[in-house]
PDB file of N, CA and C in Angstrom:
ATOM      1  N   MET A   1       5.532  17.557 -20.898  1.00  0.00           N
ATOM      2  CA  MET A   1       5.124  16.978 -20.097  1.00  0.00           C
ATOM      3  C   MET A   1       4.020  15.594 -19.915  1.00  0.00           C
ATOM      4  N   VAL A   2       3.877  14.829 -21.450  1.00  0.00           N
ATOM      5  CA  VAL A   2       2.598  13.850 -21.017  1.00  0.00           C
ATOM      6  C   VAL A   2       3.572  12.955 -20.422  1.00  0.00           C
ATOM      7  N   GLU A   3       5.685  12.846 -20.380  1.00  0.00           N
ATOM      8  CA  GLU A   3       5.973  11.653 -20.344  1.00  0.00           C
ATOM      9  C   GLU A   3       6.280  12.245 -18.242  1.00  0.00           C
ATOM     10  N   ILE A   4       6.018  13.128 -17.632  1.00  0.00           N
ATOM     11  CA  ILE A   4       6.803  13.267 -16.460  1.00  0.00           C
ATOM     12  C   ILE A   4       4.921  12.734 -16.162  1.00  0.00           C
ATOM     13  N   PHE A   5       3.552  13.064 -16.575  1.00  0.00           N
ATOM     14  CA  PHE A   5       2.143  12.184 -15.666  1.00  0.00           C
ATOM     15  C   PHE A   5       2.333  11.392 -16.035  1.00  0.00           C
ATOM     16  N   SER A   6       3.200  10.710 -16.902  1.00  0.00           N
ATOM     17  CA  SER A   6       2.880   8.667 -16.668  1.00  0.00           C
ATOM     18  C   SER A   6       4.614   8.579 -16.746  1.00  0.00           C
ATOM     19  N   PHE A   7       5.137   9.050 -15.372  1.00  0.00           N
ATOM     20  CA  PHE A   7       6.306   8.071 -15.025  1.00  0.00           C
ATOM     21  C   PHE A   7       5.284   8.726 -13.617  1.00  0.00           C
ATOM     22  N   GLU A   8       5.022   9.255 -13.225  1.00  0.00           N
ATOM     23  CA  GLU A   8       4.141   8.885 -11.534  1.00  0.00           C
ATOM     24  C   GLU A   8       2.619   9.210 -12.075  1.00  0.00           C
ATOM     25  N   LEU A   9       2.087   8.384 -12.203  1.00  0.00           N
ATOM     26  CA  LEU A   9       0.892   7.280 -12.840  1.00  0.00           C
ATOM     27  C   LEU A   9       1.684   5.810 -12.454  1.00  0.00           C
ATOM     28  N   ALA A  10       2.756   5.460 -12.850  1.00  0.00           N
ATOM     29  CA  ALA A  10       3.488   4.182 -13.060  1.00  0.00           C
ATOM     30  C   ALA A  10       3.814   4.791 -11.823  1.00  0.00           C
ATOM     31  N   LYS A  11       4.735   5.278 -11.086  1.00  0.00           N
ATOM     32  CA  LYS A  11       5.029   5.483  -9.934  1.00  0.00           C
ATOM     33  C   LYS A  11       4.327   4.910  -8.791  1.00  0.00           C
ATOM     34  N   ALA A  12       3.149   5.809  -8.552  1.00  0.00           N
ATOM     35  CA  ALA A  12       1.554   5.213  -8.531  1.00  0.00           C
ATOM     36  C   ALA A  12       1.037   4.365  -7.958  1.00  0.00           C
ATOM     37  N   ARG A  13       1.098   3.482  -9.185  1.00  0.00           N
ATOM     38  CA  ARG A  13       0.829   1.793  -9.108  1.00  0.00           C
ATOM     39  C   ARG A  13       1.690   1.310  -8.485  1.00  0.00           C
ATOM     40  N   LEU A  14       2.838   1.014  -9.044  1.00  0.00           N
ATOM     41  CA  LEU A  14       4.394   0.570  -7.707  1.00  0.00           C
ATOM     42  C   LEU A  14       3.810   1.059  -6.268  1.00  0.00           C
ATOM     43  N   ARG A  15       3.729   2.647  -6.199  1.00  0.00           N
ATOM     44  CA  ARG A  15       3.928   2.199  -4.433  1.00  0.00           C
ATOM     45  C   ARG A  15       1.643   1.956  -4.106  1.00  0.00           C
ATOM     46  N   VAL A  16       0.929   1.255  -4.781  1.00  0.00           N
ATOM     47  CA  VAL A  16      -0.051   1.070  -4.660  1.00  0.00           C
ATOM     48  C   VAL A  16      -0.259  -0.388  -4.490  1.00  0.00           C
ATOM     49  N   ASN A  17       0.678  -1.320  -5.802  1.00  0.00           N
ATOM     50  CA  ASN A  17       1.146  -2.999  -5.391  1.00  0.00           C
ATOM     51  C   ASN A  17       2.327  -3.052  -4.341  1.00  0.00           C
ATOM     52  N   ARG A  18       3.157  -1.984  -3.714  1.00  0.00           N
ATOM     53  CA  ARG A  18       3.819  -2.778  -2.965  1.00  0.00           C
ATOM     54  C   ARG A  18       3.207  -2.389  -1.367  1.00  0.00           C
ATOM     55  N   ALA A  19       2.426  -1.750  -1.281  1.00  0.00           N
ATOM     56  CA  ALA A  19       2.194  -1.610   0.010  1.00  0.00           C
ATOM     57  C   ALA A  19       0.845  -2.214   0.203  1.00  0.00           C
ATOM     58  N   GLU A  20      -0.066  -3.581  -1.264  1.00  0.00           N
ATOM     59  CA  GLU A  20      -1.042  -4.445  -0.753  1.00  0.00           C
ATOM     60  C   GLU A  20      -0.357  -5.305  -0.469  1.00  0.00           C
ATOM     61  N   ARG A  21       0.921  -5.536  -1.421  1.00  0.00           N
ATOM     62  CA  ARG A  21       1.688  -7.052  -1.484  1.00  0.00           C
ATOM     63  C   ARG A  21       2.252  -7.070   0.262  1.00  0.00           C
ATOM     64  N   SER A  22       2.731  -5.641   0.405  1.00  0.00           N
ATOM     65  CA  SER A  22       2.742  -5.651   2.438  1.00  0.00           C
ATOM     66  C   SER A  22       2.151  -5.694   3.202  1.00  0.00           C
ATOM     67  N   LEU A  23       1.346  -5.168   2.670  1.00  0.00           N
ATOM     68  CA  LEU A  23      -0.573  -5.783   4.023  1.00  0.00           C
ATOM     69  C   LEU A  23      -0.583  -7.324   4.384  1.00  0.00           C
ATOM     70  N   SER A  24       0.043  -8.013   2.768  1.00  0.00           N
ATOM     71  CA  SER A  24      -0.990  -9.490   2.738  1.00  0.00           C
ATOM     72  C   SER A  24       0.044 -10.651   3.389  1.00  0.00           C
ATOM     73  N   ARG A  25       1.005 -10.109   3.362  1.00  0.00           N
ATOM     74  CA  ARG A  25       2.758 -10.449   4.116  1.00  0.00           C
ATOM     75  C   ARG A  25       2.814 -10.663   5.148  1.00  0.00           C
ATOM     76  N   SER A  26       1.806  -8.910   6.272  1.00  0.00           N
ATOM     77  CA  SER A  26       1.673  -9.523   7.194  1.00  0.00           C
ATOM     78  C   SER A  26       0.157 -10.221   7.293  1.00  0.00           C
ATOM     79  N   ASN A  27      -0.803  -9.785   6.852  1.00  0.00           N
ATOM     80  CA  ASN A  27      -2.016 -10.497   6.853  1.00  0.00           C
ATOM     81  C   ASN A  27      -1.366 -12.199   7.993  1.00  0.00           C
ATOM     82  N   GLU A  28      -0.750 -13.051   6.944  1.00  0.00           N
ATOM     83  CA  GLU A  28       0.023 -14.575   6.432  1.00  0.00           C
ATOM     84  C   GLU A  28       0.720 -14.269   7.638  1.00  0.00           C
ATOM     85  N   LEU A  29       1.364 -13.745   8.113  1.00  0.00           N
ATOM     86  CA  LEU A  29       1.900 -13.854   8.668  1.00  0.00           C
ATOM     87  C   LEU A  29       1.304 -14.373  10.224  1.00  0.00           C
ATOM     88  N   LEU A  30       0.570 -13.444  10.390  1.00  0.00           N
ATOM     89  CA  LEU A  30      -0.685 -13.355  11.981  1.00  0.00           C
ATOM     90  C   LEU A  30      -1.576 -14.472  11.819  1.00  0.00           C
ATOM     91  N   ASP A  31      -1.722 -14.793  10.070  1.00  0.00           N
ATOM     92  CA  ASP A  31      -2.359 -15.996  10.220  1.00  0.00           C
ATOM     93  C   ASP A  31      -1.644 -17.284  10.657  1.00  0.00           C
ATOM     94  N   GLN A  32      -0.873 -17.125  10.314  1.00  0.00           N
ATOM     95  CA  GLN A  32       0.193 -18.032  10.141  1.00  0.00           C
ATOM     96  C   GLN A  32       0.145 -18.939  12.346  1.00  0.00           C
ATOM     97  N   GLY A  33       0.049 -17.511  12.785  1.00  0.00           N
ATOM     98  CA  GLY A  33       0.433 -17.453  14.107  1.00  0.00           C
ATOM     99  C   GLY A  33       1.659 -18.132  15.168  1.00  0.00           C
ATOM    100  N   GLY A  34       1.421 -18.971  15.962  1.00  0.00           N
ATOM    101  CA  GLY A  34       2.424 -19.792  16.768  1.00  0.00           C
ATOM    102  C   GLY A  34       4.062 -19.065  17.497  1.00  0.00           C
ATOM    103  N   GLY A  35       3.462 -17.301  17.173  1.00  0.00           N
ATOM    104  CA  GLY A  35       3.822 -16.228  18.245  1.00  0.00           C
ATOM    105  C   GLY A  35       3.326 -16.117  19.237  1.00  0.00           C
ATOM    106  N   ASN A  36       4.109 -14.790  19.323  1.00  0.00           N
ATOM    107  CA  ASN A  36       3.983 -14.169  21.500  1.00  0.00           C
ATOM    108  C   ASN A  36       3.071 -13.496  21.218  1.00  0.00           C
ATOM    109  N   VAL A  37       2.447 -13.226  21.975  1.00  0.00           N
ATOM    110  CA  VAL A  37       1.316 -11.669  22.295  1.00  0.00           C
ATOM    111  C   VAL A  37       1.796 -10.664  21.540  1.00  0.00           C
ATOM    112  N   ALA A  38       3.611 -10.510  22.242  1.00  0.00           N
ATOM    113  CA  ALA A  38       4.456  -8.938  21.891  1.00  0.00           C
ATOM    114  C   ALA A  38       4.414  -9.299  20.117  1.00  0.00           C
ATOM    115  N   VAL A  39       4.713 -10.673  20.003  1.00  0.00           N
ATOM    116  CA  VAL A  39       4.274 -10.100  18.059  1.00  0.00           C
ATOM    117  C   VAL A  39       3.853  -9.819  17.540  1.00  0.00           C
ATOM    118  N   ASN A  40       2.300 -10.571  17.751  1.00  0.00           N
ATOM    119  CA  ASN A  40       1.065 -10.276  17.459  1.00  0.00           C
ATOM    120  C   ASN A  40       0.699  -9.108  17.436  1.00  0.00           C
ATOM    121  N   LEU A  41       0.352  -8.823  18.451  1.00  0.00           N
ATOM    122  CA  LEU A  41       0.325  -7.050  18.790  1.00  0.00           C
ATOM    123  C   LEU A  41       1.975  -6.164  17.755  1.00  0.00           C
ATOM    124  N   SER A  42       2.609  -6.461  17.499  1.00  0.00           N
ATOM    125  CA  SER A  42       3.702  -5.926  16.528  1.00  0.00           C
ATOM    126  C   SER A  42       3.160  -5.966  14.931  1.00  0.00           C
ATOM    127  N   LEU A  43       2.221  -7.176  14.645  1.00  0.00           N
ATOM    128  CA  LEU A  43       2.158  -7.759  13.952  1.00  0.00           C
ATOM    129  C   LEU A  43       0.444  -6.792  13.326  1.00  0.00           C
ATOM    130  N   CYS A  44      -0.562  -6.683  14.347  1.00  0.00           N
ATOM    131  CA  CYS A  44      -1.704  -5.917  14.080  1.00  0.00           C
ATOM    132  C   CYS A  44      -1.363  -4.055  13.900  1.00  0.00           C
ATOM    133  N   ASP A  45      -0.165  -3.888  14.853  1.00  0.00           N
ATOM    134  CA  ASP A  45       0.033  -1.969  14.546  1.00  0.00           C
ATOM    135  C   ASP A  45       1.096  -2.187  12.810  1.00  0.00           C
ATOM    136  N   ARG A  46       2.283  -3.330  12.530  1.00  0.00           N
ATOM    137  CA  ARG A  46       2.158  -2.806  11.159  1.00  0.00           C
ATOM    138  C   ARG A  46       1.031  -3.499  10.190  1.00  0.00           C
ATOM    139  N   ILE A  47      -0.111  -3.999  10.232  1.00  0.00           N
ATOM    140  CA  ILE A  47      -1.105  -4.096   9.174  1.00  0.00           C
ATOM    141  C   ILE A  47      -1.881  -2.685   9.564  1.00  0.00           C
ATOM    142  N   ARG A  48      -2.128  -2.212  10.156  1.00  0.00           N
ATOM    143  CA  ARG A  48      -2.144  -0.796  10.383  1.00  0.00           C
ATOM    144  C   ARG A  48      -1.794   0.124   9.571  1.00  0.00           C
ATOM    145  N   SER A  49      -0.687   0.373   9.865  1.00  0.00           N
ATOM    146  CA  SER A  49       0.333   0.760   8.915  1.00  0.00           C
ATOM    147  C   SER A  49      -0.282   0.645   7.328  1.00  0.00           C
ATOM    148  N   GLU A  50      -0.320  -0.367   7.143  1.00  0.00           N
ATOM    149  CA  GLU A  50       0.219  -0.875   5.328  1.00  0.00           C
ATOM    150  C   GLU A  50      -1.203  -0.740   5.420  1.00  0.00           C
ATOM    151  N   GLN A  51      -2.472  -0.939   5.839  1.00  0.00           N
ATOM    152  CA  GLN A  51      -3.519  -0.407   5.911  1.00  0.00           C
ATOM    153  C   GLN A  51      -3.781   1.200   4.773  1.00  0.00           C
ATOM    154  N   ARG A  52      -2.909   2.101   5.780  1.00  0.00           N
ATOM    155  CA  ARG A  52      -2.881   3.352   6.557  1.00  0.00           C
ATOM    156  C   ARG A  52      -1.911   3.625   4.638  1.00  0.00           C
ATOM    157  N   ARG A  53      -1.662   3.319   3.688  1.00  0.00           N
ATOM    158  CA  ARG A  53      -0.303   3.263   2.764  1.00  0.00           C
ATOM    159  C   ARG A  53      -0.859   2.591   1.994  1.00  0.00           C
ATOM    160  N   VAL A  54      -2.175   1.437   1.692  1.00  0.00           N
ATOM    161  CA  VAL A  54      -2.696   1.710   1.106  1.00  0.00           C
ATOM    162  C   VAL A  54      -3.889   2.396   0.310  1.00  0.00           C
ATOM    163  N   ALA A  55      -4.347   2.753   1.792  1.00  0.00           N
ATOM    164  CA  ALA A  55      -5.953   4.339   1.267  1.00  0.00           C
ATOM    165  C   ALA A  55      -5.000   4.333   0.608  1.00  0.00           C
ATOM    166  N   GLU A  56      -3.863   5.728   1.042  1.00  0.00           N
ATOM    167  CA  GLU A  56      -2.786   7.137   0.895  1.00  0.00           C
ATOM    168  C   GLU A  56      -3.153   6.486  -0.720  1.00  0.00           C
ATOM    169  N   ALA A  57      -2.616   5.651  -1.301  1.00  0.00           N
ATOM    170  CA  ALA A  57      -1.478   5.230  -1.888  1.00  0.00           C
ATOM    171  C   ALA A  57      -2.329   5.343  -3.513  1.00  0.00           C
ATOM    172  N   ARG A  58      -3.939   4.490  -2.523  1.00  0.00           N
ATOM    173  CA  ARG A  58      -5.226   4.777  -4.160  1.00  0.00           C
ATOM    174  C   ARG A  58      -4.852   5.550  -4.153  1.00  0.00           C
ATOM    175  N   GLU A  59      -5.924   6.750  -3.054  1.00  0.00           N
ATOM    176  CA  GLU A  59      -5.763   7.314  -2.898  1.00  0.00           C
ATOM    177  C   GLU A  59      -5.390   8.950  -4.335  1.00  0.00           C
ATOM    178  N   ARG A  60      -4.118   9.167  -4.017  1.00  0.00           N
ATOM    179  CA  ARG A  60      -3.215   9.094  -5.214  1.00  0.00           C
ATOM    180  C   ARG A  60      -3.180   9.051  -5.664  1.00  0.00           C
ATOM    181  N   LEU A  61      -3.197   8.239  -6.696  1.00  0.00           N
ATOM    182  CA  LEU A  61      -3.597   6.910  -8.220  1.00  0.00           C
ATOM    183  C   LEU A  61      -5.156   8.050  -7.922  1.00  0.00           C
ATOM    184  N   THR A  62      -6.091   7.241  -7.165  1.00  0.00           N
ATOM    185  CA  THR A  62      -7.654   8.165  -8.348  1.00  0.00           C
ATOM    186  C   THR A  62      -6.627  10.018  -8.153  1.00  0.00           C
ATOM    187  N   LYS A  63      -5.919  10.546  -7.913  1.00  0.00           N
ATOM    188  CA  LYS A  63      -6.488  12.290  -7.955  1.00  0.00           C
ATOM    189  C   LYS A  63      -5.534  12.344  -9.364  1.00  0.00           C
ATOM    190  N   LEU A  64      -4.137  11.378  -9.746  1.00  0.00           N
ATOM    191  CA  LEU A  64      -3.598  11.453 -10.743  1.00  0.00           C
ATOM    192  C   LEU A  64      -4.638  10.749 -11.542  1.00  0.00           C
ATOM    193  N   ASN A  65      -5.680   9.683 -11.673  1.00  0.00           N
ATOM    194  CA  ASN A  65      -6.137   9.188 -12.370  1.00  0.00           C
ATOM    195  C   ASN A  65      -7.459  10.550 -12.760  1.00  0.00           C
ATOM    196  N   THR A  66      -7.635  11.404 -12.372  1.00  0.00           N
ATOM    197  CA  THR A  66      -8.879  12.452 -12.305  1.00  0.00           C
ATOM    198  C   THR A  66      -7.843  13.382 -13.153  1.00  0.00           C
ATOM    199  N   ILE A  67      -6.253  13.995 -13.626  1.00  0.00           N
ATOM    200  CA  ILE A  67      -6.494  14.839 -13.967  1.00  0.00           C
ATOM    201  C   ILE A  67      -6.789  14.797 -15.154  1.00  0.00           C
ATOM    202  N   PRO A  68      -6.752  16.040 -16.001  1.00  0.00           N
ATOM    203  CA  PRO A  68      -7.344  16.136 -17.381  1.00  0.00           C
ATOM    204  C   PRO A  68      -5.366  16.332 -17.523  1.00  0.00           C
ATOM    205  N   ARG A  69      -6.034  14.915 -18.381  1.00  0.00           N
ATOM    206  CA  ARG A  69      -4.279  15.006 -20.266  1.00  0.00           C
ATOM    207  C   ARG A  69      -4.668  15.982 -20.723  1.00  0.00           C
ATOM    208  N   TYR A  70      -4.030  16.339 -21.993  1.00  0.00           N
ATOM    209  CA  TYR A  70      -3.960  17.553 -23.097  1.00  0.00           C
ATOM    210  C   TYR A  70      -2.910  16.767 -24.219  1.00  0.00           C
TER     211      TYR A  70
END
């Protein structure tokens, strides 16, 4: 049981890290500029979805951290 919990916790941490890295890459691409309006709109849409993924991943990690361990 403890191994499963540890695995789920590690998986949740990885999910948060991946989502945060993807969000930062999207922001960097938008900051570089040089793109046209369609590219910038696409990047803004990607940033919004990445922000949602980060929030969901953090929420899952928080839920797992609050589960009592026996």
